[in-house]
């Protein structure tokens, strides 16, 4: 099995206590079976502390969050007591992987880092070169792709070529992406899209505030200078890389491309509405979008179904 990842992938590292939006706060953290068995065998004071900090609900062990929704092993210095006491190899699978994600194919696995993490969002959005997918681990075996996989990788390569054509604006590239694959957005205004997002499941009130602030600016011309084009190129490439791979499982290629372009447009509008258009605000806007949408299957499915209905209507 070969491992592939964006060429910036290996530069990612957790910023630990320097993180403003700690992933150990506000997230339900399930513990995989192997790690749970390991934790149960630990003795001593920290073994007892582990036992007290874990509950089993519906047969799934998980950490008991505090009233502030903090993991019980996130200490007052915002460092992980499990790592400090047992080392990083003792983390459960979710904690060890986050914010990494994987897309699986017959003879390869593709990895990436999710923008719900501020360090990952910064890494992606400040990457200046055109993103390339590189082999990060090679087993030396010949990679055998199915016919469907060959078609998918060729099509995705074309998607990337369109988005990475820096001779034209990023907004024009997004339009060409849709045009090349006969993808029509549902006939909705910006306000109607915002109302759809306001009706989705949400985690953070800051996300709702940003959507409502954007809604109040309906009718106001929102534009961005070309200096932000490279960052939004990286954003759109990220969405396409992460979300089109499941086309091989569900056949929803157009829907997934449309979902990616919609994410690009929404983040772009939210950022354009910011009073201070700086790198921090861009990273924070993308991080919020990723947290609220990409990590909620119900929200993804709701948006996908909107595109599915439109595409069925076209057919």
C-alpha atoms as a PDB file:
ATOM      1  CA  UNK A   1       0.000   0.000   0.000  1.00  0.00           C
ATOM      2  CA  UNK A   2       1.335   3.399  -0.992  1.00  0.00           C
ATOM      3  CA  UNK A   3       0.598   6.552   0.992  1.00  0.00           C
ATOM      4  CA  UNK A   4      -0.010   9.839  -0.821  1.00  0.00           C
ATOM      5  CA  UNK A   5      -0.530  13.324   0.617  1.00  0.00           C
ATOM      6  CA  UNK A   6      -0.362  16.987  -0.361  1.00  0.00           C
ATOM      7  CA  UNK A   7       3.226  18.177  -0.591  1.00  0.00           C
ATOM      8  CA  UNK A   8       2.758  20.364   2.524  1.00  0.00           C
ATOM      9  CA  UNK A   9       1.501  17.433   4.635  1.00  0.00           C
ATOM     10  CA  UNK A  10       4.766  16.560   6.378  1.00  0.00           C
ATOM     11  CA  UNK A  11       5.174  20.156   7.531  1.00  0.00           C
ATOM     12  CA  UNK A  12       2.156  19.855   9.797  1.00  0.00           C
ATOM     13  CA  UNK A  13       2.716  19.669  13.542  1.00  0.00           C
ATOM     14  CA  UNK A  14       0.421  20.240  16.502  1.00  0.00           C
ATOM     15  CA  UNK A  15       1.056  23.586  18.220  1.00  0.00           C
ATOM     16  CA  UNK A  16      -0.223  22.138  21.541  1.00  0.00           C
ATOM     17  CA  UNK A  17      -0.648  24.808  24.246  1.00  0.00           C
ATOM     18  CA  UNK A  18      -0.246  27.609  21.679  1.00  0.00           C
ATOM     19  CA  UNK A  19      -3.508  26.556  20.037  1.00  0.00           C
ATOM     20  CA  UNK A  20      -6.355  29.042  20.558  1.00  0.00           C
ATOM     21  CA  UNK A  21      -9.081  26.577  19.531  1.00  0.00           C
ATOM     22  CA  UNK A  22      -7.944  23.428  21.275  1.00  0.00           C
ATOM     23  CA  UNK A  23      -9.260  20.191  19.733  1.00  0.00           C
ATOM     24  CA  UNK A  24      -9.514  18.766  23.278  1.00  0.00           C
ATOM     25  CA  UNK A  25     -12.350  21.205  24.027  1.00  0.00           C
ATOM     26  CA  UNK A  26     -15.895  20.889  22.709  1.00  0.00           C
ATOM     27  CA  UNK A  27     -15.469  17.553  20.907  1.00  0.00           C
ATOM     28  CA  UNK A  28     -16.780  14.146  21.949  1.00  0.00           C
ATOM     29  CA  UNK A  29     -13.791  11.799  22.041  1.00  0.00           C
ATOM     30  CA  UNK A  30     -14.455   8.073  21.636  1.00  0.00           C
ATOM     31  CA  UNK A  31     -11.734   5.586  22.586  1.00  0.00           C
ATOM     32  CA  UNK A  32     -10.923   2.672  20.284  1.00  0.00           C
ATOM     33  CA  UNK A  33     -11.101  -0.849  21.724  1.00  0.00           C
ATOM     34  CA  UNK A  34      -7.344  -1.573  21.742  1.00  0.00           C
ATOM     35  CA  UNK A  35      -6.497   1.652  23.552  1.00  0.00           C
ATOM     36  CA  UNK A  36      -9.335   1.147  26.018  1.00  0.00           C
ATOM     37  CA  UNK A  37      -8.029  -2.323  26.881  1.00  0.00           C
ATOM     38  CA  UNK A  38      -4.576  -0.824  27.390  1.00  0.00           C
ATOM     39  CA  UNK A  39      -5.939   1.914  29.674  1.00  0.00           C
ATOM     40  CA  UNK A  40      -7.869  -0.633  31.790  1.00  0.00           C
ATOM     41  CA  UNK A  41      -4.653  -2.525  32.530  1.00  0.00           C
ATOM     42  CA  UNK A  42      -2.801   0.511  33.859  1.00  0.00           C
ATOM     43  CA  UNK A  43      -2.285   0.664  37.601  1.00  0.00           C
ATOM     44  CA  UNK A  44      -1.125   3.364  39.973  1.00  0.00           C
ATOM     45  CA  UNK A  45      -2.422   6.893  40.442  1.00  0.00           C
ATOM     46  CA  UNK A  46      -2.614   7.736  36.764  1.00  0.00           C
ATOM     47  CA  UNK A  47      -4.315   4.429  35.971  1.00  0.00           C
ATOM     48  CA  UNK A  48      -7.021   5.331  38.507  1.00  0.00           C
ATOM     49  CA  UNK A  49      -7.243   8.836  37.020  1.00  0.00           C
ATOM     50  CA  UNK A  50      -7.791   7.312  33.582  1.00  0.00           C
ATOM     51  CA  UNK A  51     -10.523   5.022  34.878  1.00  0.00           C
ATOM     52  CA  UNK A  52     -12.295   7.962  36.546  1.00  0.00           C
ATOM     53  CA  UNK A  53     -12.144  10.006  33.346  1.00  0.00           C
ATOM     54  CA  UNK A  54     -13.741   7.403  31.066  1.00  0.00           C
ATOM     55  CA  UNK A  55     -17.369   6.392  30.709  1.00  0.00           C
ATOM     56  CA  UNK A  56     -19.069   3.770  28.538  1.00  0.00           C
ATOM     57  CA  UNK A  57     -22.313   4.706  26.823  1.00  0.00           C
ATOM     58  CA  UNK A  58     -23.999   2.406  24.315  1.00  0.00           C
ATOM     59  CA  UNK A  59     -20.952   0.175  24.561  1.00  0.00           C
ATOM     60  CA  UNK A  60     -18.578   2.931  23.369  1.00  0.00           C
ATOM     61  CA  UNK A  61     -15.926   4.162  25.813  1.00  0.00           C
ATOM     62  CA  UNK A  62     -15.298   7.899  25.760  1.00  0.00           C
ATOM     63  CA  UNK A  63     -13.703  10.602  27.863  1.00  0.00           C
ATOM     64  CA  UNK A  64     -16.014  12.419  30.291  1.00  0.00           C
ATOM     65  CA  UNK A  65     -15.966  16.091  29.363  1.00  0.00           C
ATOM     66  CA  UNK A  66     -16.066  18.745  32.068  1.00  0.00           C
ATOM     67  CA  UNK A  67     -18.846  21.341  32.367  1.00  0.00           C
ATOM     68  CA  UNK A  68     -16.660  23.529  30.113  1.00  0.00           C
ATOM     69  CA  UNK A  69     -16.519  20.607  27.637  1.00  0.00           C
ATOM     70  CA  UNK A  70     -12.808  20.068  28.245  1.00  0.00           C
ATOM     71  CA  UNK A  71     -11.245  16.634  28.043  1.00  0.00           C
ATOM     72  CA  UNK A  72     -10.466  15.527  31.636  1.00  0.00           C
ATOM     73  CA  UNK A  73      -6.823  15.013  30.607  1.00  0.00           C
ATOM     74  CA  UNK A  74      -6.315  18.506  29.215  1.00  0.00           C
ATOM     75  CA  UNK A  75      -4.504  20.200  32.069  1.00  0.00           C
ATOM     76  CA  UNK A  76      -4.493  23.854  33.107  1.00  0.00           C
ATOM     77  CA  UNK A  77      -1.512  24.498  30.820  1.00  0.00           C
ATOM     78  CA  UNK A  78      -3.541  23.151  27.874  1.00  0.00           C
ATOM     79  CA  UNK A  79      -1.252  20.143  27.578  1.00  0.00           C
ATOM     80  CA  UNK A  80      -2.304  16.501  27.468  1.00  0.00           C
ATOM     81  CA  UNK A  81      -1.688  14.570  30.714  1.00  0.00           C
ATOM     82  CA  UNK A  82      -1.843  11.269  28.806  1.00  0.00           C
ATOM     83  CA  UNK A  83       1.100  12.332  26.642  1.00  0.00           C
ATOM     84  CA  UNK A  84       2.971  13.745  29.647  1.00  0.00           C
ATOM     85  CA  UNK A  85       2.498  10.523  31.652  1.00  0.00           C
ATOM     86  CA  UNK A  86       2.491   7.802  28.981  1.00  0.00           C
ATOM     87  CA  UNK A  87       3.850   9.313  25.765  1.00  0.00           C
ATOM     88  CA  UNK A  88       2.194  10.067  22.418  1.00  0.00           C
ATOM     89  CA  UNK A  89       2.012   6.376  21.492  1.00  0.00           C
ATOM     90  CA  UNK A  90      -0.579   5.925  24.265  1.00  0.00           C
ATOM     91  CA  UNK A  91      -3.162   8.202  22.675  1.00  0.00           C
ATOM     92  CA  UNK A  92      -6.394   6.706  21.377  1.00  0.00           C
ATOM     93  CA  UNK A  93      -6.770   6.541  17.597  1.00  0.00           C
ATOM     94  CA  UNK A  94      -8.918   9.677  17.279  1.00  0.00           C
ATOM     95  CA  UNK A  95      -6.510  11.800  19.299  1.00  0.00           C
ATOM     96  CA  UNK A  96      -3.460  10.420  17.494  1.00  0.00           C
ATOM     97  CA  UNK A  97      -4.969  11.034  14.055  1.00  0.00           C
ATOM     98  CA  UNK A  98      -6.690  14.386  14.474  1.00  0.00           C
ATOM     99  CA  UNK A  99      -6.860  16.525  12.364  1.00  0.00           C
ATOM    100  CA  UNK A 100      -5.649  14.022   9.759  1.00  0.00           C
ATOM    101  CA  UNK A 101      -8.120  12.292   7.463  1.00  0.00           C
ATOM    102  CA  UNK A 102      -7.755   9.412   4.995  1.00  0.00           C
ATOM    103  CA  UNK A 103      -9.306   8.484   1.664  1.00  0.00           C
ATOM    104  CA  UNK A 104      -8.912   4.821   0.708  1.00  0.00           C
ATOM    105  CA  UNK A 105      -8.409   3.327  -2.751  1.00  0.00           C
ATOM    106  CA  UNK A 106      -7.549  -0.213  -3.856  1.00  0.00           C
ATOM    107  CA  UNK A 107      -3.756   0.113  -3.686  1.00  0.00           C
ATOM    108  CA  UNK A 108      -3.236   3.534  -2.165  1.00  0.00           C
ATOM    109  CA  UNK A 109      -4.336   5.663   0.759  1.00  0.00           C
ATOM    110  CA  UNK A 110      -4.447   9.428   0.507  1.00  0.00           C
ATOM    111  CA  UNK A 111      -3.946  11.518   3.629  1.00  0.00           C
ATOM    112  CA  UNK A 112      -4.599  15.145   4.465  1.00  0.00           C
ATOM    113  CA  UNK A 113      -5.037  17.518   7.377  1.00  0.00           C
ATOM    114  CA  UNK A 114      -8.429  19.065   8.106  1.00  0.00           C
ATOM    115  CA  UNK A 115      -8.977  22.792   8.370  1.00  0.00           C
ATOM    116  CA  UNK A 116     -10.892  22.487  11.645  1.00  0.00           C
ATOM    117  CA  UNK A 117      -7.379  22.767  13.112  1.00  0.00           C
ATOM    118  CA  UNK A 118      -6.013  26.312  13.051  1.00  0.00           C
ATOM    119  CA  UNK A 119      -2.449  25.077  12.462  1.00  0.00           C
ATOM    120  CA  UNK A 120      -3.604  22.982   9.488  1.00  0.00           C
ATOM    121  CA  UNK A 121      -5.690  25.848   8.090  1.00  0.00           C
ATOM    122  CA  UNK A 122      -2.695  28.172   8.301  1.00  0.00           C
ATOM    123  CA  UNK A 123      -0.413  25.606   6.669  1.00  0.00           C
ATOM    124  CA  UNK A 124      -2.816  25.117   3.748  1.00  0.00           C
ATOM    125  CA  UNK A 125      -3.911  28.701   3.165  1.00  0.00           C
ATOM    126  CA  UNK A 126      -0.408  30.177   3.330  1.00  0.00           C
ATOM    127  CA  UNK A 127       1.076  27.569   0.969  1.00  0.00           C
ATOM    128  CA  UNK A 128       2.246  29.593  -2.029  1.00  0.00           C
ATOM    129  CA  UNK A 129       3.209  26.884  -4.522  1.00  0.00           C
ATOM    130  CA  UNK A 130       0.658  24.915  -6.503  1.00  0.00           C
ATOM    131  CA  UNK A 131      -0.366  21.905  -4.406  1.00  0.00           C
ATOM    132  CA  UNK A 132       0.970  18.590  -5.658  1.00  0.00           C
ATOM    133  CA  UNK A 133       0.087  15.130  -4.383  1.00  0.00           C
ATOM    134  CA  UNK A 134       3.268  13.311  -3.398  1.00  0.00           C
ATOM    135  CA  UNK A 135       4.161   9.787  -2.294  1.00  0.00           C
ATOM    136  CA  UNK A 136       5.109   9.910   1.382  1.00  0.00           C
ATOM    137  CA  UNK A 137       5.444   6.157   1.901  1.00  0.00           C
ATOM    138  CA  UNK A 138       6.190   3.611  -0.830  1.00  0.00           C
ATOM    139  CA  UNK A 139       5.958  -0.142  -0.313  1.00  0.00           C
ATOM    140  CA  UNK A 140       7.781  -0.750  -3.603  1.00  0.00           C
ATOM    141  CA  UNK A 141       4.867  -2.719  -5.038  1.00  0.00           C
ATOM    142  CA  UNK A 142       3.265  -1.846  -8.355  1.00  0.00           C
ATOM    143  CA  UNK A 143       0.152   0.244  -7.927  1.00  0.00           C
ATOM    144  CA  UNK A 144      -2.775  -1.404  -9.684  1.00  0.00           C
ATOM    145  CA  UNK A 145      -5.723   0.913 -10.261  1.00  0.00           C
ATOM    146  CA  UNK A 146      -9.199  -0.172 -11.242  1.00  0.00           C
ATOM    147  CA  UNK A 147     -10.735   1.344 -14.370  1.00  0.00           C
ATOM    148  CA  UNK A 148     -12.970   3.572 -12.246  1.00  0.00           C
ATOM    149  CA  UNK A 149      -9.975   4.766 -10.225  1.00  0.00           C
ATOM    150  CA  UNK A 150      -8.026   5.584 -13.381  1.00  0.00           C
ATOM    151  CA  UNK A 151     -10.951   7.643 -14.659  1.00  0.00           C
ATOM    152  CA  UNK A 152     -11.330   9.386 -11.306  1.00  0.00           C
ATOM    153  CA  UNK A 153      -7.646  10.346 -11.013  1.00  0.00           C
ATOM    154  CA  UNK A 154      -7.609  11.681 -14.584  1.00  0.00           C
ATOM    155  CA  UNK A 155     -10.727  13.754 -13.943  1.00  0.00           C
ATOM    156  CA  UNK A 156      -9.390  15.049 -10.638  1.00  0.00           C
ATOM    157  CA  UNK A 157      -6.131  16.025 -12.339  1.00  0.00           C
ATOM    158  CA  UNK A 158      -8.196  18.119 -14.738  1.00  0.00           C
ATOM    159  CA  UNK A 159     -10.088  19.718 -11.838  1.00  0.00           C
ATOM    160  CA  UNK A 160      -6.795  20.714 -10.251  1.00  0.00           C
ATOM    161  CA  UNK A 161      -5.453  22.099 -13.544  1.00  0.00           C
ATOM    162  CA  UNK A 162      -8.476  24.381 -13.848  1.00  0.00           C
ATOM    163  CA  UNK A 163      -8.220  25.640 -10.263  1.00  0.00           C
ATOM    164  CA  UNK A 164      -4.438  26.131 -10.473  1.00  0.00           C
ATOM    165  CA  UNK A 165      -4.530  28.189 -13.688  1.00  0.00           C
ATOM    166  CA  UNK A 166      -3.098  31.368 -12.210  1.00  0.00           C
ATOM    167  CA  UNK A 167      -3.419  33.357 -15.434  1.00  0.00           C
ATOM    168  CA  UNK A 168      -7.058  34.138 -14.545  1.00  0.00           C
ATOM    169  CA  UNK A 169      -8.858  35.115 -11.335  1.00  0.00           C
ATOM    170  CA  UNK A 170      -9.846  32.453  -8.839  1.00  0.00           C
ATOM    171  CA  UNK A 171     -13.531  33.339  -9.224  1.00  0.00           C
ATOM    172  CA  UNK A 172     -13.310  32.749 -12.971  1.00  0.00           C
ATOM    173  CA  UNK A 173     -11.558  29.423 -12.311  1.00  0.00           C
ATOM    174  CA  UNK A 174     -14.414  28.359 -10.026  1.00  0.00           C
ATOM    175  CA  UNK A 175     -16.952  29.235 -12.742  1.00  0.00           C
ATOM    176  CA  UNK A 176     -14.961  27.293 -15.345  1.00  0.00           C
ATOM    177  CA  UNK A 177     -14.851  24.307 -13.003  1.00  0.00           C
ATOM    178  CA  UNK A 178     -18.640  24.225 -12.898  1.00  0.00           C
ATOM    179  CA  UNK A 179     -19.016  24.933 -16.607  1.00  0.00           C
ATOM    180  CA  UNK A 180     -16.618  22.187 -17.719  1.00  0.00           C
ATOM    181  CA  UNK A 181     -18.717  19.568 -15.936  1.00  0.00           C
ATOM    182  CA  UNK A 182     -22.161  21.063 -16.649  1.00  0.00           C
ATOM    183  CA  UNK A 183     -22.799  21.747 -12.975  1.00  0.00           C
ATOM    184  CA  UNK A 184     -25.550  24.299 -12.333  1.00  0.00           C
ATOM    185  CA  UNK A 185     -26.048  25.690  -8.855  1.00  0.00           C
ATOM    186  CA  UNK A 186     -29.613  25.741  -7.532  1.00  0.00           C
ATOM    187  CA  UNK A 187     -31.155  29.144  -8.284  1.00  0.00           C
ATOM    188  CA  UNK A 188     -30.700  30.663  -4.853  1.00  0.00           C
ATOM    189  CA  UNK A 189     -29.603  34.100  -3.762  1.00  0.00           C
ATOM    190  CA  UNK A 190     -26.734  34.635  -1.333  1.00  0.00           C
ATOM    191  CA  UNK A 191     -29.307  35.313   1.409  1.00  0.00           C
ATOM    192  CA  UNK A 192     -31.104  32.046   0.665  1.00  0.00           C
ATOM    193  CA  UNK A 193     -27.819  30.136   0.952  1.00  0.00           C
ATOM    194  CA  UNK A 194     -27.047  31.884   4.235  1.00  0.00           C
ATOM    195  CA  UNK A 195     -30.492  30.930   5.564  1.00  0.00           C
ATOM    196  CA  UNK A 196     -29.789  27.303   4.618  1.00  0.00           C
ATOM    197  CA  UNK A 197     -26.540  27.395   6.583  1.00  0.00           C
ATOM    198  CA  UNK A 198     -28.280  29.057   9.526  1.00  0.00           C
ATOM    199  CA  UNK A 199     -30.719  26.119   9.562  1.00  0.00           C
ATOM    200  CA  UNK A 200     -27.974  23.501   9.806  1.00  0.00           C
ATOM    201  CA  UNK A 201     -26.637  21.915  12.981  1.00  0.00           C
ATOM    202  CA  UNK A 202     -24.054  24.144  14.658  1.00  0.00           C
ATOM    203  CA  UNK A 203     -21.461  23.964  17.432  1.00  0.00           C
ATOM    204  CA  UNK A 204     -20.226  27.505  17.913  1.00  0.00           C
ATOM    205  CA  UNK A 205     -22.264  30.677  18.341  1.00  0.00           C
ATOM    206  CA  UNK A 206     -19.466  32.598  16.594  1.00  0.00           C
ATOM    207  CA  UNK A 207     -20.349  30.740  13.383  1.00  0.00           C
ATOM    208  CA  UNK A 208     -23.974  31.859  13.648  1.00  0.00           C
ATOM    209  CA  UNK A 209     -22.916  35.442  14.366  1.00  0.00           C
ATOM    210  CA  UNK A 210     -20.781  35.512  11.231  1.00  0.00           C
ATOM    211  CA  UNK A 211     -23.569  34.146   9.073  1.00  0.00           C
ATOM    212  CA  UNK A 212     -26.050  36.653  10.509  1.00  0.00           C
ATOM    213  CA  UNK A 213     -23.595  39.518   9.999  1.00  0.00           C
ATOM    214  CA  UNK A 214     -23.174  38.468   6.372  1.00  0.00           C
ATOM    215  CA  UNK A 215     -26.937  38.272   5.936  1.00  0.00           C
ATOM    216  CA  UNK A 216     -27.291  41.889   7.095  1.00  0.00           C
ATOM    217  CA  UNK A 217     -24.879  42.929   4.344  1.00  0.00           C
ATOM    218  CA  UNK A 218     -27.055  41.503   1.595  1.00  0.00           C
ATOM    219  CA  UNK A 219     -27.151  43.982  -1.256  1.00  0.00           C
ATOM    220  CA  UNK A 220     -23.753  45.378  -0.292  1.00  0.00           C
ATOM    221  CA  UNK A 221     -21.032  44.746  -2.857  1.00  0.00           C
ATOM    222  CA  UNK A 222     -18.460  42.355  -1.368  1.00  0.00           C
ATOM    223  CA  UNK A 223     -15.214  41.931  -3.239  1.00  0.00           C
ATOM    224  CA  UNK A 224     -11.641  40.855  -2.590  1.00  0.00           C
ATOM    225  CA  UNK A 225      -8.405  41.950  -4.192  1.00  0.00           C
ATOM    226  CA  UNK A 226      -6.410  39.486  -6.263  1.00  0.00           C
ATOM    227  CA  UNK A 227      -3.815  39.173  -3.497  1.00  0.00           C
ATOM    228  CA  UNK A 228      -6.067  36.583  -1.849  1.00  0.00           C
ATOM    229  CA  UNK A 229      -6.396  34.414  -4.970  1.00  0.00           C
ATOM    230  CA  UNK A 230      -3.630  31.963  -4.032  1.00  0.00           C
ATOM    231  CA  UNK A 231      -5.118  31.345  -0.579  1.00  0.00           C
ATOM    232  CA  UNK A 232      -8.563  30.663  -2.092  1.00  0.00           C
ATOM    233  CA  UNK A 233      -6.980  28.447  -4.734  1.00  0.00           C
ATOM    234  CA  UNK A 234      -5.553  26.341  -1.906  1.00  0.00           C
ATOM    235  CA  UNK A 235      -8.950  26.330  -0.180  1.00  0.00           C
ATOM    236  CA  UNK A 236     -10.785  25.067  -3.264  1.00  0.00           C
ATOM    237  CA  UNK A 237      -8.102  22.456  -4.003  1.00  0.00           C
ATOM    238  CA  UNK A 238      -8.380  21.271  -0.385  1.00  0.00           C
ATOM    239  CA  UNK A 239     -12.151  20.854  -0.672  1.00  0.00           C
ATOM    240  CA  UNK A 240     -11.865  18.974  -3.978  1.00  0.00           C
ATOM    241  CA  UNK A 241      -9.059  16.721  -2.720  1.00  0.00           C
ATOM    242  CA  UNK A 242     -10.897  15.888   0.471  1.00  0.00           C
ATOM    243  CA  UNK A 243     -14.459  15.466  -0.759  1.00  0.00           C
ATOM    244  CA  UNK A 244     -14.423  14.105  -4.317  1.00  0.00           C
ATOM    245  CA  UNK A 245     -12.703  10.799  -3.442  1.00  0.00           C
ATOM    246  CA  UNK A 246     -15.961   9.266  -2.179  1.00  0.00           C
ATOM    247  CA  UNK A 247     -17.309   9.573  -5.719  1.00  0.00           C
ATOM    248  CA  UNK A 248     -16.016   6.036  -6.226  1.00  0.00           C
ATOM    249  CA  UNK A 249     -18.383   4.820  -3.494  1.00  0.00           C
ATOM    250  CA  UNK A 250     -21.530   6.837  -4.124  1.00  0.00           C
ATOM    251  CA  UNK A 251     -21.208   8.111  -7.702  1.00  0.00           C
ATOM    252  CA  UNK A 252     -22.029  11.692  -6.655  1.00  0.00           C
ATOM    253  CA  UNK A 253     -19.241  13.387  -8.587  1.00  0.00           C
ATOM    254  CA  UNK A 254     -21.114  16.518  -9.642  1.00  0.00           C
ATOM    255  CA  UNK A 255     -22.660  16.893  -6.218  1.00  0.00           C
ATOM    256  CA  UNK A 256     -19.247  16.677  -4.556  1.00  0.00           C
ATOM    257  CA  UNK A 257     -17.670  19.193  -6.913  1.00  0.00           C
ATOM    258  CA  UNK A 258     -20.631  21.530  -6.329  1.00  0.00           C
ATOM    259  CA  UNK A 259     -20.326  21.039  -2.551  1.00  0.00           C
ATOM    260  CA  UNK A 260     -16.627  21.984  -2.782  1.00  0.00           C
ATOM    261  CA  UNK A 261     -17.315  25.103  -4.843  1.00  0.00           C
ATOM    262  CA  UNK A 262     -20.123  26.154  -2.490  1.00  0.00           C
ATOM    263  CA  UNK A 263     -17.717  25.913   0.455  1.00  0.00           C
ATOM    264  CA  UNK A 264     -15.278  28.093  -1.472  1.00  0.00           C
ATOM    265  CA  UNK A 265     -17.991  30.711  -2.154  1.00  0.00           C
ATOM    266  CA  UNK A 266     -19.326  30.773   1.414  1.00  0.00           C
ATOM    267  CA  UNK A 267     -15.884  31.158   3.004  1.00  0.00           C
ATOM    268  CA  UNK A 268     -15.054  33.828   0.420  1.00  0.00           C
ATOM    269  CA  UNK A 269     -18.232  35.817   1.181  1.00  0.00           C
ATOM    270  CA  UNK A 270     -17.728  35.513   4.933  1.00  0.00           C
ATOM    271  CA  UNK A 271     -14.147  36.706   4.640  1.00  0.00           C
ATOM    272  CA  UNK A 272     -15.074  39.552   2.282  1.00  0.00           C
ATOM    273  CA  UNK A 273     -17.571  40.730   4.920  1.00  0.00           C
ATOM    274  CA  UNK A 274     -14.860  40.936   7.617  1.00  0.00           C
ATOM    275  CA  UNK A 275     -13.900  44.432   8.713  1.00  0.00           C
ATOM    276  CA  UNK A 276     -10.253  43.407   8.974  1.00  0.00           C
ATOM    277  CA  UNK A 277      -9.225  41.333   5.987  1.00  0.00           C
ATOM    278  CA  UNK A 278      -6.013  39.786   7.233  1.00  0.00           C
ATOM    279  CA  UNK A 279      -4.423  36.350   7.351  1.00  0.00           C
ATOM    280  CA  UNK A 280      -5.769  35.592  10.823  1.00  0.00           C
ATOM    281  CA  UNK A 281      -9.370  36.354   9.813  1.00  0.00           C
ATOM    282  CA  UNK A 282      -9.076  34.179   6.713  1.00  0.00           C
ATOM    283  CA  UNK A 283      -7.701  31.250   8.713  1.00  0.00           C
ATOM    284  CA  UNK A 284     -10.375  31.670  11.373  1.00  0.00           C
ATOM    285  CA  UNK A 285     -13.181  31.856   8.789  1.00  0.00           C
ATOM    286  CA  UNK A 286     -11.977  28.666   7.066  1.00  0.00           C
ATOM    287  CA  UNK A 287     -11.507  26.926  10.425  1.00  0.00           C
ATOM    288  CA  UNK A 288     -15.046  27.761  11.505  1.00  0.00           C
ATOM    289  CA  UNK A 289     -16.507  26.560   8.211  1.00  0.00           C
ATOM    290  CA  UNK A 290     -14.588  23.287   8.400  1.00  0.00           C
ATOM    291  CA  UNK A 291     -15.566  22.665  12.025  1.00  0.00           C
ATOM    292  CA  UNK A 292     -19.242  23.377  11.464  1.00  0.00           C
ATOM    293  CA  UNK A 293     -19.715  21.688   8.087  1.00  0.00           C
ATOM    294  CA  UNK A 294     -16.988  19.150   7.304  1.00  0.00           C
ATOM    295  CA  UNK A 295     -17.209  17.408  10.682  1.00  0.00           C
ATOM    296  CA  UNK A 296     -20.993  17.002  10.703  1.00  0.00           C
ATOM    297  CA  UNK A 297     -22.277  14.254   8.416  1.00  0.00           C
ATOM    298  CA  UNK A 298     -25.834  15.585   8.723  1.00  0.00           C
ATOM    299  CA  UNK A 299     -24.790  19.025   7.467  1.00  0.00           C
ATOM    300  CA  UNK A 300     -22.821  17.576   4.555  1.00  0.00           C
ATOM    301  CA  UNK A 301     -25.730  15.364   3.551  1.00  0.00           C
ATOM    302  CA  UNK A 302     -28.238  18.229   3.718  1.00  0.00           C
ATOM    303  CA  UNK A 303     -26.121  20.307   1.324  1.00  0.00           C
ATOM    304  CA  UNK A 304     -25.408  17.344  -0.937  1.00  0.00           C
ATOM    305  CA  UNK A 305     -29.127  16.591  -1.242  1.00  0.00           C
ATOM    306  CA  UNK A 306     -29.779  20.152  -2.425  1.00  0.00           C
ATOM    307  CA  UNK A 307     -27.327  19.641  -5.277  1.00  0.00           C
ATOM    308  CA  UNK A 308     -28.645  16.159  -5.947  1.00  0.00           C
ATOM    309  CA  UNK A 309     -32.148  17.493  -6.529  1.00  0.00           C
ATOM    310  CA  UNK A 310     -30.834  20.164  -8.912  1.00  0.00           C
ATOM    311  CA  UNK A 311     -28.759  17.682 -10.886  1.00  0.00           C
ATOM    312  CA  UNK A 312     -31.674  15.259 -11.158  1.00  0.00           C
ATOM    313  CA  UNK A 313     -33.763  18.116 -12.499  1.00  0.00           C
ATOM    314  CA  UNK A 314     -31.183  18.889 -15.167  1.00  0.00           C
ATOM    315  CA  UNK A 315     -31.067  15.261 -16.289  1.00  0.00           C
END
